[in-house]
Protein backbone atom coordinates (compact mmCIF):
# COMPACT_ATOMS: atom_id res chain seq x y z
CA MET A 1 19.03 7.41 9.44
CA ARG A 2 18.77 11.00 10.61
CA LEU A 3 19.44 13.93 8.32
CA SER A 4 22.05 15.20 10.77
CA HIS A 5 24.10 12.07 10.13
CA ILE A 6 23.92 12.51 6.36
CA LEU A 7 24.90 16.16 6.65
CA ALA A 8 27.78 15.24 8.93
CA VAL A 9 29.07 12.88 6.28
CA ALA A 10 28.46 15.33 3.44
CA ALA A 11 29.88 18.45 5.13
CA PRO A 12 33.58 17.71 4.49
CA MET A 13 32.77 17.02 0.85
CA ALA A 14 30.79 20.22 0.48
CA ALA A 15 33.66 22.16 2.02
CA ALA A 16 36.11 20.53 -0.38
CA ALA A 17 33.88 21.51 -3.28
CA THR A 18 34.50 25.19 -2.50
CA LEU A 19 38.24 24.88 -3.10
CA PRO A 20 39.44 26.72 -6.22
CA ARG A 21 40.12 23.76 -8.51
CA GLN A 22 39.77 23.43 -12.24
CA ALA A 23 36.48 21.66 -12.96
CA PRO A 24 35.99 19.37 -15.97
CA GLN A 25 33.30 20.12 -18.51
CA ALA A 26 30.97 17.48 -17.08
CA LYS A 27 30.69 14.56 -14.67
CA VAL A 28 29.13 11.33 -15.85
CA LEU A 29 27.97 8.53 -13.56
CA ILE A 30 28.09 4.97 -14.90
CA GLY A 31 26.38 1.93 -13.38
CA ALA A 32 27.85 -1.52 -13.99
CA PRO A 33 27.69 -4.83 -12.10
CA ASN A 34 29.36 -4.34 -8.69
CA SER A 35 30.32 -0.72 -9.38
CA ILE A 36 29.31 2.91 -9.66
CA LEU A 37 31.94 4.79 -11.64
CA VAL A 38 32.63 8.49 -12.10
CA ALA A 39 33.96 9.78 -15.42
CA ASP A 40 35.19 13.20 -16.41
CA PHE A 41 33.79 14.09 -19.83
CA ASP A 42 35.13 17.02 -21.85
CA GLY A 43 33.08 16.45 -24.99
CA LEU A 44 35.87 14.49 -26.65
CA GLY A 45 36.57 11.65 -24.24
CA PHE A 46 35.68 9.90 -21.00
CA LYS A 47 38.20 9.47 -18.20
CA ILE A 48 37.32 7.21 -15.25
CA VAL A 49 38.23 9.14 -12.09
CA GLY A 50 36.22 7.41 -9.36
CA ASN A 51 34.94 3.93 -8.54
CA ALA A 52 32.76 2.68 -5.70
CA THR A 53 32.77 -1.12 -5.84
CA THR A 54 30.68 -3.53 -3.77
CA GLU A 55 30.78 -7.15 -4.89
CA GLY A 56 27.42 -8.80 -5.46
CA THR A 57 25.52 -5.60 -6.21
CA ASN A 58 24.01 -4.23 -9.41
CA PRO A 59 23.37 -0.46 -9.50
CA SER A 60 21.51 -0.63 -12.81
CA TRP A 61 19.63 2.65 -12.26
CA MET A 62 20.40 5.84 -10.35
CA ALA A 63 18.80 9.19 -9.51
CA PHE A 64 20.74 12.30 -8.49
CA ARG A 65 19.50 15.05 -6.15
CA GLU A 66 21.53 18.23 -6.12
CA PRO A 67 23.98 18.99 -4.75
CA ASN A 68 25.40 15.61 -3.74
CA LEU A 69 22.84 12.88 -2.98
CA LEU A 70 22.85 9.82 -5.22
CA TYR A 71 20.17 7.13 -4.97
CA ALA A 72 20.85 3.75 -6.59
CA VAL A 73 18.96 0.51 -7.00
CA ASP A 74 20.57 -2.85 -6.30
CA GLU A 75 18.89 -5.10 -8.82
CA PHE A 76 20.43 -8.21 -7.24
CA ASN A 77 19.06 -7.52 -3.75
CA ALA A 78 16.19 -5.89 -1.83
CA SER A 79 17.89 -2.63 -0.95
CA THR A 80 17.76 0.89 -2.31
CA ASN A 81 20.95 2.75 -1.49
CA LEU A 82 21.85 6.34 -0.71
CA PHE A 83 25.33 7.67 -1.45
CA VAL A 84 27.01 11.04 -1.01
CA PHE A 85 28.87 12.03 -4.16
CA ASP A 86 31.69 14.58 -4.12
CA PRO A 87 32.34 15.91 -7.65
CA VAL A 88 35.72 17.36 -6.64
CA THR A 89 37.31 14.29 -5.05
CA ASN A 90 35.12 11.93 -7.13
CA SER A 91 34.33 9.87 -4.04
CA ILE A 92 31.04 8.01 -3.66
CA GLN A 93 30.28 7.09 -0.05
CA LEU A 94 27.42 4.82 1.02
CA VAL A 95 25.46 6.40 3.88
CA GLN A 96 22.26 4.31 3.91
CA SER A 97 21.03 0.97 2.62
CA ALA A 98 17.25 0.79 3.02
CA GLU A 99 15.22 -2.41 2.82
CA GLY A 100 12.51 -2.36 0.17
CA SER A 101 11.32 -4.60 -2.64
CA ALA A 102 13.71 -7.04 -4.28
CA GLY A 103 14.88 -6.46 -7.82
CA VAL A 104 14.16 -2.74 -8.22
CA VAL A 105 15.28 -1.60 -11.69
CA HIS A 106 14.22 2.05 -11.90
CA LEU A 107 13.91 5.17 -9.73
CA GLU A 108 11.87 8.34 -10.35
CA PHE A 109 11.64 11.55 -8.30
CA ASN A 110 8.52 13.59 -7.77
CA PHE A 111 8.61 17.23 -8.89
CA ASP A 112 10.38 18.65 -5.81
CA LYS A 113 12.46 15.53 -5.15
CA THR A 114 10.91 14.78 -1.76
CA ARG A 115 9.50 11.42 -2.91
CA LEU A 116 11.19 8.60 -4.79
CA VAL A 117 9.35 5.84 -6.66
CA GLY A 118 11.07 2.50 -7.22
CA SER A 119 9.80 -0.06 -9.75
CA SER A 120 10.48 -3.65 -8.72
CA PHE A 121 10.74 -6.01 -11.66
CA GLY A 122 11.64 -8.83 -9.27
CA ALA A 123 8.86 -8.51 -6.69
CA GLY A 124 6.06 -7.06 -8.80
CA THR A 125 5.70 -4.03 -6.55
CA ILE A 126 6.21 -0.26 -6.53
CA ASP A 127 8.08 1.30 -3.58
CA ILE A 128 7.23 4.83 -2.44
CA TRP A 129 10.01 6.51 -0.43
CA ASP A 130 9.95 9.70 1.62
CA ILE A 131 13.27 11.47 0.99
CA THR A 132 12.33 14.91 2.32
CA ASP A 133 15.45 15.13 4.49
CA GLY A 134 17.56 13.05 2.12
CA ALA A 135 17.29 9.76 3.99
CA LEU A 136 15.17 6.90 2.64
CA THR A 137 11.96 6.20 4.60
CA LEU A 138 9.57 3.67 3.08
CA LEU A 139 6.04 5.10 2.93
CA LYS A 140 4.14 2.51 0.95
CA GLN A 141 4.39 -0.50 -1.34
CA ILE A 142 1.90 -0.94 -4.17
CA VAL A 143 1.28 -4.42 -5.56
CA SER A 144 0.87 -4.74 -9.32
CA ASP A 145 -1.72 -7.48 -9.67
CA ASP A 146 -3.33 -7.23 -13.11
CA PRO A 147 -3.82 -10.37 -15.22
CA LEU A 148 -0.60 -11.67 -16.71
CA GLY A 149 0.31 -11.49 -20.38
CA PRO A 150 0.34 -14.62 -22.57
CA ASN A 151 4.11 -15.20 -22.71
CA ALA A 152 4.60 -17.88 -20.05
CA ALA A 153 8.39 -17.55 -20.11
CA ARG A 154 8.61 -13.75 -19.81
CA GLN A 155 5.26 -12.87 -18.24
CA GLU A 156 5.09 -15.45 -15.45
CA ALA A 157 4.57 -12.65 -12.90
CA PRO A 158 3.98 -8.88 -12.78
CA HIS A 159 7.16 -6.99 -13.68
CA PRO A 160 6.95 -3.21 -13.08
CA HIS A 161 9.87 -1.86 -15.08
CA GLN A 162 9.70 1.93 -14.87
CA SER A 163 7.69 4.79 -13.36
CA VAL A 164 7.35 8.09 -15.21
CA LEU A 165 6.24 11.36 -13.63
CA ASP A 166 3.78 13.29 -15.78
CA PRO A 167 4.61 16.96 -16.55
CA THR A 168 2.08 18.28 -14.01
CA GLY A 169 3.98 16.50 -11.25
CA ARG A 170 0.86 14.76 -9.92
CA PHE A 171 0.69 11.39 -11.66
CA PHE A 172 3.16 8.55 -12.01
CA VAL A 173 2.60 5.93 -14.70
CA VAL A 174 4.22 2.53 -14.23
CA ASN A 175 4.96 0.26 -17.18
CA ASP A 176 4.46 -3.39 -16.23
CA LEU A 177 6.11 -5.79 -18.67
CA GLY A 178 4.52 -8.84 -17.07
CA THR A 179 0.90 -7.70 -17.29
CA ASP A 180 0.91 -5.64 -20.51
CA THR A 181 -0.38 -2.78 -18.39
CA VAL A 182 0.39 0.86 -17.66
CA LEU A 183 -0.69 1.75 -14.12
CA VAL A 184 -1.68 5.35 -13.36
CA ILE A 185 -0.84 6.38 -9.78
CA ASP A 186 -2.23 9.58 -8.24
CA SER A 187 0.26 11.10 -5.78
CA ASP A 188 -2.03 13.95 -4.69
CA GLN A 189 -1.98 14.49 -0.91
CA ASP A 190 0.62 11.71 -0.69
CA GLN A 191 -2.04 9.06 -1.31
CA PHE A 192 -0.23 7.19 -4.13
CA GLU A 193 -3.29 5.24 -5.23
CA VAL A 194 -3.76 3.37 -8.52
CA VAL A 195 -6.53 5.26 -10.33
CA ASN A 196 -6.37 3.70 -13.80
CA ARG A 197 -5.05 0.58 -15.50
CA VAL A 198 -4.34 0.89 -19.21
CA ARG A 199 -4.05 -2.34 -21.17
CA VAL A 200 -1.36 -2.17 -23.85
CA THR A 201 -1.91 -4.29 -26.95
CA PRO A 202 -1.11 -6.51 -28.71
CA ASP A 203 -1.03 -9.07 -25.93
CA GLY A 204 2.48 -10.08 -25.02
CA CYS A 205 4.02 -6.77 -26.10
CA GLY A 206 5.66 -6.18 -22.70
CA PRO A 207 5.62 -2.41 -21.98
CA ARG A 208 9.04 -1.54 -20.57
CA HIS A 209 9.76 2.21 -20.63
CA GLY A 210 7.92 5.33 -21.72
CA VAL A 211 8.08 9.12 -22.03
CA PHE A 212 5.45 11.83 -21.78
CA PHE A 213 5.08 14.44 -24.53
CA PRO A 214 5.84 17.26 -24.24
CA SER A 215 8.85 16.73 -22.00
CA ARG A 216 8.71 18.21 -18.52
CA ALA A 217 9.32 21.95 -18.38
CA ALA A 218 10.41 24.15 -15.48
CA GLU A 219 6.76 24.79 -14.63
CA PRO A 220 4.04 22.12 -14.43
CA THR A 221 2.15 21.57 -17.68
CA GLN A 222 -0.20 18.91 -19.01
CA ALA A 223 0.98 16.13 -21.30
CA THR A 224 -0.83 15.51 -24.56
CA HIS A 225 0.73 12.14 -25.43
CA TYR A 226 2.59 9.18 -23.99
CA PHE A 227 5.08 7.11 -25.98
CA VAL A 228 5.58 3.60 -24.59
CA LEU A 229 8.33 1.20 -25.61
CA CYS A 230 7.29 -2.46 -25.70
CA GLU A 231 10.30 -4.68 -25.08
CA MET A 232 9.07 -8.08 -26.17
CA LEU A 233 7.49 -7.20 -29.53
CA ASN A 234 9.87 -4.31 -30.33
CA LEU A 235 7.18 -1.67 -30.68
CA VAL A 236 6.79 2.03 -29.99
CA GLU A 237 3.17 2.88 -29.21
CA VAL A 238 1.65 6.36 -29.13
CA PHE A 239 -1.23 7.22 -26.79
CA SER A 240 -3.10 10.50 -26.57
CA VAL A 241 -3.50 11.62 -22.95
CA GLU A 242 -6.45 13.40 -21.34
CA TYR A 243 -6.68 14.68 -17.77
CA ALA A 244 -9.89 13.55 -16.11
CA GLY A 245 -10.16 14.67 -12.50
CA ASN A 246 -7.97 12.44 -10.38
CA SER A 247 -6.84 10.27 -13.29
CA LEU A 248 -5.33 10.14 -16.75
CA GLN A 249 -7.06 8.57 -19.74
CA PHE A 250 -5.04 6.97 -22.54
CA VAL A 251 -6.24 6.40 -26.12
CA PRO A 252 -3.99 4.42 -28.52
CA THR A 253 -3.29 6.27 -31.78
CA GLN A 254 -0.24 4.65 -33.43
CA VAL A 255 1.99 1.55 -33.34
CA LEU A 256 5.42 1.36 -34.99
CA SER A 257 8.26 -1.14 -35.15
CA THR A 258 11.38 -0.01 -33.30
CA PHE A 259 13.28 -1.02 -36.45
CA GLY A 260 11.19 0.94 -38.94
CA ASP A 261 10.53 -0.59 -42.36
CA THR A 262 14.09 -0.43 -43.64
CA SER A 263 16.27 -1.65 -40.76
CA PRO A 264 14.90 -5.02 -39.63
CA ALA A 265 16.58 -7.11 -36.95
CA ALA A 266 18.63 -10.08 -38.10
CA ASN A 267 16.69 -12.18 -35.59
CA LEU A 268 13.31 -10.84 -34.47
CA THR A 269 12.74 -13.83 -32.19
CA THR A 270 15.54 -12.73 -29.88
CA ALA A 271 15.34 -8.95 -30.30
CA THR A 272 14.27 -6.89 -27.27
CA ALA A 273 13.80 -3.14 -27.08
CA GLY A 274 15.78 -1.35 -24.35
CA GLY A 275 15.56 2.38 -23.67
CA ILE A 276 13.62 5.38 -24.95
CA VAL A 277 14.26 9.11 -24.58
CA LEU A 278 12.56 12.26 -25.88
CA SER A 279 14.72 15.27 -26.70
CA SER A 280 14.15 18.36 -24.58
CA ASP A 281 13.01 20.29 -27.67
CA ASN A 282 10.28 17.64 -28.17
CA LEU A 283 11.32 16.96 -31.76
CA ASP A 284 13.09 13.60 -31.58
CA VAL A 285 12.68 10.19 -29.96
CA TYR A 286 15.53 7.70 -29.65
CA VAL A 287 15.13 3.96 -28.97
CA SER A 288 17.71 1.23 -28.35
CA ASN A 289 17.37 -2.25 -29.86
CA ARG A 290 19.06 -5.21 -28.12
CA ASN A 291 19.78 -8.85 -28.98
CA THR A 292 19.09 -8.22 -32.65
CA GLY A 293 21.21 -11.12 -33.91
CA GLY A 294 23.77 -8.97 -35.71
CA GLU A 295 27.38 -8.20 -34.85
CA GLU A 296 26.17 -4.94 -33.31
CA ASP A 297 22.79 -3.79 -32.07
CA SER A 298 21.16 -0.50 -33.03
CA ILE A 299 19.71 2.83 -31.95
CA SER A 300 16.67 4.09 -33.87
CA HIS A 301 15.64 7.71 -34.37
CA PHE A 302 12.02 8.81 -34.75
CA ARG A 303 10.83 12.33 -35.54
CA VAL A 304 7.80 13.81 -33.81
CA VAL A 305 5.35 14.90 -36.51
CA PRO A 306 2.82 17.57 -35.44
CA PRO A 307 -0.79 17.31 -36.62
CA ALA A 308 -1.22 18.33 -40.24
CA GLU A 309 -4.37 20.25 -39.36
CA GLU A 310 -6.22 21.43 -36.29
CA GLY A 311 -7.76 18.48 -34.52
CA GLY A 312 -5.43 16.05 -36.27
CA ALA A 313 -3.23 13.47 -34.59
CA LEU A 314 0.39 13.84 -33.56
CA SER A 315 2.51 10.94 -34.78
CA LEU A 316 6.01 9.50 -34.86
CA GLU A 317 7.93 8.91 -38.08
CA PHE A 318 10.91 6.57 -38.38
CA SER A 319 13.98 8.48 -39.53
CA GLU A 320 17.05 6.24 -39.39
CA SER A 321 18.94 3.58 -37.46
CA ILE A 322 22.62 3.52 -36.53
CA SER A 323 24.89 0.98 -34.85
CA SER A 324 24.90 1.01 -31.06
CA GLY A 325 28.64 0.33 -31.17
CA GLY A 326 28.27 -3.02 -29.44
CA GLN A 327 25.68 -5.43 -28.12
CA VAL A 328 22.84 -5.00 -25.61
CA PRO A 329 22.37 -1.21 -25.34
CA ARG A 330 20.16 -1.23 -22.26
CA MET A 331 19.84 2.48 -21.52
CA LEU A 332 19.94 5.90 -23.20
CA SER A 333 20.20 9.40 -21.72
CA LEU A 334 20.77 12.93 -23.00
CA SER A 335 23.52 15.34 -22.02
CA ALA A 336 22.47 18.35 -19.97
CA ASP A 337 22.63 20.64 -23.00
CA GLY A 338 20.74 18.15 -25.18
CA ASN A 339 23.43 18.02 -27.86
CA LEU A 340 24.61 14.48 -27.09
CA LEU A 341 23.03 11.08 -26.62
CA PHE A 342 24.77 8.78 -24.13
CA SER A 343 24.39 5.02 -24.48
CA THR A 344 25.72 1.82 -22.95
CA ASN A 345 26.40 -1.69 -24.23
CA GLN A 346 26.43 -4.59 -21.77
CA ARG A 347 27.82 -7.46 -23.82
CA ASP A 348 30.71 -6.25 -25.95
CA GLY A 349 32.01 -3.43 -28.12
CA LEU A 350 31.76 0.07 -26.68
CA GLY A 351 30.65 0.01 -23.05
CA VAL A 352 29.84 3.73 -22.94
CA LEU A 353 29.60 6.13 -25.86
CA ALA A 354 28.46 9.65 -26.66
CA LEU A 355 26.76 10.40 -29.97
CA ALA A 356 26.29 13.90 -31.36
CA ARG A 357 22.73 14.93 -32.24
CA ASN A 358 22.00 16.88 -35.44
CA GLY A 359 25.56 18.21 -35.65
CA GLY A 360 24.91 20.11 -32.43
CA ALA A 361 27.68 21.92 -30.59
CA VAL A 362 30.24 19.62 -29.04
CA LEU A 363 30.22 19.94 -25.26
CA GLY A 364 32.91 22.40 -24.25
CA ALA A 365 33.97 23.17 -27.84
CA GLY A 366 33.90 26.86 -27.00
CA THR A 367 33.40 29.81 -29.32
CA GLY A 368 35.41 31.61 -31.95
CA ALA A 369 37.32 29.99 -34.79
CA ALA A 370 38.49 26.98 -32.77
CA GLY A 371 35.03 26.30 -31.39
CA ALA A 372 33.45 26.68 -34.81
CA ALA A 373 35.93 24.21 -36.27
CA ALA A 374 35.24 21.70 -33.50
CA GLN A 375 31.52 22.02 -34.06
CA ALA A 376 31.73 21.91 -37.85
CA GLU A 377 32.89 18.31 -37.94
CA VAL A 378 31.71 15.66 -35.49
CA GLY A 379 32.86 12.07 -35.79
CA GLY A 380 34.27 12.75 -39.24
CA VAL A 381 30.90 13.89 -40.61
CA GLN A 382 30.20 17.44 -41.65
CA ALA A 383 27.47 18.69 -39.31
CA ALA A 384 25.98 20.98 -41.92
CA VAL A 385 24.72 18.06 -44.03
CA LEU A 386 22.83 16.43 -41.17
CA ALA A 387 19.11 16.94 -40.70
CA ALA A 388 17.93 18.14 -37.31
CA GLY A 389 18.00 15.43 -34.66
CA THR A 390 20.07 13.01 -36.74
CA LEU A 391 22.62 11.01 -34.76
CA VAL A 392 26.20 11.11 -36.00
CA GLY A 393 27.19 7.46 -36.39
CA SER A 394 30.78 7.83 -35.18
CA PRO A 395 30.89 8.49 -31.41
CA VAL A 396 32.54 11.67 -30.16
CA ALA A 397 33.71 9.72 -27.09
CA GLU A 398 33.81 6.06 -26.07
CA LEU A 399 35.04 3.48 -23.56
CA GLY A 400 35.23 -0.22 -24.39
CA VAL A 401 33.34 -2.86 -22.43
CA ASP A 402 36.70 -4.29 -21.35
CA VAL A 403 37.31 -1.17 -19.26
CA PHE A 404 34.51 -2.31 -16.96
CA GLY A 405 35.32 -6.02 -16.69
CA ALA A 406 34.33 -9.21 -18.44
CA VAL A 407 32.17 -9.50 -21.54
CA ASP A 408 28.45 -9.54 -20.62
CA PHE A 409 29.20 -7.41 -17.55
CA GLY A 410 29.34 -4.05 -19.27
CA PRO A 411 27.60 -0.86 -18.14
CA GLN A 412 23.83 -0.67 -17.83
CA PHE A 413 23.39 2.98 -16.91
CA VAL A 414 24.92 6.36 -17.81
CA MET A 415 23.90 9.86 -16.70
CA GLN A 416 25.44 13.32 -16.69
CA VAL A 417 25.18 15.12 -13.34
């Protein structure tokens, strides 16, 4: 597809966006089986205002390029899709469906959003897309072919689950659940070559998602650590990171349970870790726990502990665990201002919810006496008594799974744009 075609489709929407209309505080995109939904979010509630539905699809991950291009996986098929999103009319229009690997479950931009990396859980491959002019052009497919992990039921094939861009913008690391491996891919000069393969132990842990520390800033900077979430053994693992020429070197330094020592799962044999995010201030890590065997699953909070002395090791410390508000919280994301944590539940309970962090300002609460009052109490809990980074257990906003359809077909993805 030519850029001129995309622009022709997008132009009426861009023109409409210039009309003097009252804008909501935020737009939130939600991915659920068969649908991409648009919600207005004012800091106190979600209101569904748009819905693009295509039966038989599963947009379980999305990536947004300003001002109006939305890329979405289709986990059920072999296509990666490009939509034009109009935040004024709330329309989402499909403009391209590009053939790639089957079963892609994650998308990651490069630094300037001219390349898009798709991780294919289903095919065991990594798709590299050229999106310089917006349209999807497949550049390369990388096969993940390391030895499989020992779990014959879950690790019967390679399963790349996520790619993460390092803060310098040069390297992507891909977590492969099927091979217990983190692949390091060098994107320099558009080569996209695997330059290191990091084995994650213990065997059968199933690395799923990860985050670099510190989080990416406006300007490129080097990471010092990588936190990887292992789905199958419910672990968070800390690696120190060193830059070595055209590669990254990883050294394991810490392993923790996603449940801590005080909040064990009711059934560890079924429990599977879901998502992980690092706060933009680099102080807090949040992890979702799924299939725990209880009435509701959980979200765990870890604090980042700096080295006690020069040359010492950075570490994570379990802080607390709260209810996820339902079952199977697959994905977590932060609001643009960092004050809220968004989460989803697929099975039942609350399909989408927003949790306040550390009593932070409620989105759109404003200033003055009214704003101060709104910020002073969040979810019925006085913000002043909460330690920094602590999640307020009562959501500031929520939508039930039933809003999105049948039980077990709840949302899998949520993102503010």
